[in-house]
Amino acid sequence: MLYRHAAKQIKLLRIQNGLTQKELGEALDVTDKYISLIEKCSRKASLFFYRDVADFFKVSLDFLFIESAQAKGNI
């Protein structure tokens, strides 16, 4: 479940920042196919990859993995 949320967040951040999968892949030193697999939840990445994503977009790992109560509409 956590990986699905991370996949959605990565895609959202990528689109909000106007990046293609290829551009994000180049920035993170992976292929665009790898980014696609992550975004489709077809592959789980290492924690190091998610850390690199968080650093690149200047967000926390919590932001990638944990759906907040506010986002769920509980607050």
Protein backbone atom coordinates (compact mmCIF):
# COMPACT_ATOMS: atom_id res chain seq x y z
CA MET A 1 0.00 0.00 0.00
CA LEU A 2 2.75 2.45 0.85
CA TYR A 3 4.40 1.91 -2.51
CA ARG A 4 1.17 2.72 -4.32
CA HIS A 5 0.95 6.05 -2.55
CA ALA A 6 4.61 6.75 -3.32
CA ALA A 7 3.99 5.94 -6.99
CA LYS A 8 1.10 8.42 -7.13
CA GLN A 9 3.12 11.10 -5.38
CA ILE A 10 6.10 10.68 -7.71
CA LYS A 11 3.88 10.99 -10.76
CA LEU A 12 2.11 14.02 -9.27
CA LEU A 13 5.41 15.74 -8.45
CA ARG A 14 6.81 14.97 -11.88
CA ILE A 15 3.78 16.41 -13.65
CA GLN A 16 3.56 19.45 -11.37
CA ASN A 17 7.18 20.21 -12.16
CA GLY A 18 6.64 19.83 -15.90
CA LEU A 19 8.98 16.87 -16.28
CA THR A 20 8.67 13.91 -18.60
CA GLN A 21 9.54 10.44 -17.37
CA LYS A 22 12.69 10.67 -19.47
CA GLU A 23 13.74 13.96 -17.86
CA LEU A 24 13.12 12.66 -14.35
CA GLY A 25 14.96 9.46 -15.17
CA GLU A 26 17.96 11.41 -16.44
CA ALA A 27 17.98 13.53 -13.28
CA LEU A 28 17.89 10.41 -11.10
CA ASP A 29 20.26 8.37 -13.31
CA VAL A 30 17.64 5.74 -14.21
CA THR A 31 15.73 5.02 -17.42
CA ASP A 32 12.36 6.43 -18.35
CA LYS A 33 11.09 2.85 -18.46
CA TYR A 34 12.10 2.42 -14.82
CA ILE A 35 10.19 5.59 -13.87
CA SER A 36 7.17 4.27 -15.78
CA LEU A 37 7.30 0.96 -13.92
CA ILE A 38 7.49 2.75 -10.58
CA GLU A 39 4.58 5.06 -11.43
CA LYS A 40 2.44 2.10 -12.55
CA CYS A 41 3.26 0.15 -9.36
CA SER A 42 4.75 -2.59 -11.51
CA ARG A 43 8.01 -2.34 -9.64
CA LYS A 44 9.12 -1.38 -6.15
CA ALA A 45 12.34 0.56 -5.93
CA SER A 46 14.98 0.62 -3.25
CA LEU A 47 14.75 3.01 -0.36
CA PHE A 48 17.77 4.78 -1.86
CA PHE A 49 15.75 5.55 -5.01
CA TYR A 50 12.89 7.00 -2.98
CA ARG A 51 15.37 9.06 -0.97
CA ASP A 52 16.83 10.42 -4.21
CA VAL A 53 13.31 11.30 -5.44
CA ALA A 54 12.54 13.07 -2.16
CA ASP A 55 15.83 14.99 -2.33
CA PHE A 56 15.27 15.93 -5.97
CA PHE A 57 11.78 17.32 -5.33
CA LYS A 58 12.72 18.69 -1.88
CA VAL A 59 10.02 16.73 -0.06
CA SER A 60 10.19 14.28 2.84
CA LEU A 61 9.97 10.52 2.59
CA ASP A 62 6.80 10.87 4.68
CA PHE A 63 5.30 12.93 1.88
CA LEU A 64 5.98 10.12 -0.58
CA PHE A 65 4.80 7.23 1.57
CA ILE A 66 2.24 8.41 4.09
CA GLU A 67 -1.17 9.62 3.09
CA SER A 68 -2.04 12.30 5.61
CA ALA A 69 -5.29 12.37 7.54
CA GLN A 70 -5.98 15.77 6.00
CA ALA A 71 -5.63 14.37 2.47
CA LYS A 72 -8.05 11.59 3.37
CA GLY A 73 -10.58 14.17 4.48
CA ASN A 74 -10.41 13.22 8.15
CA ILE A 75 -9.48 16.72 9.30
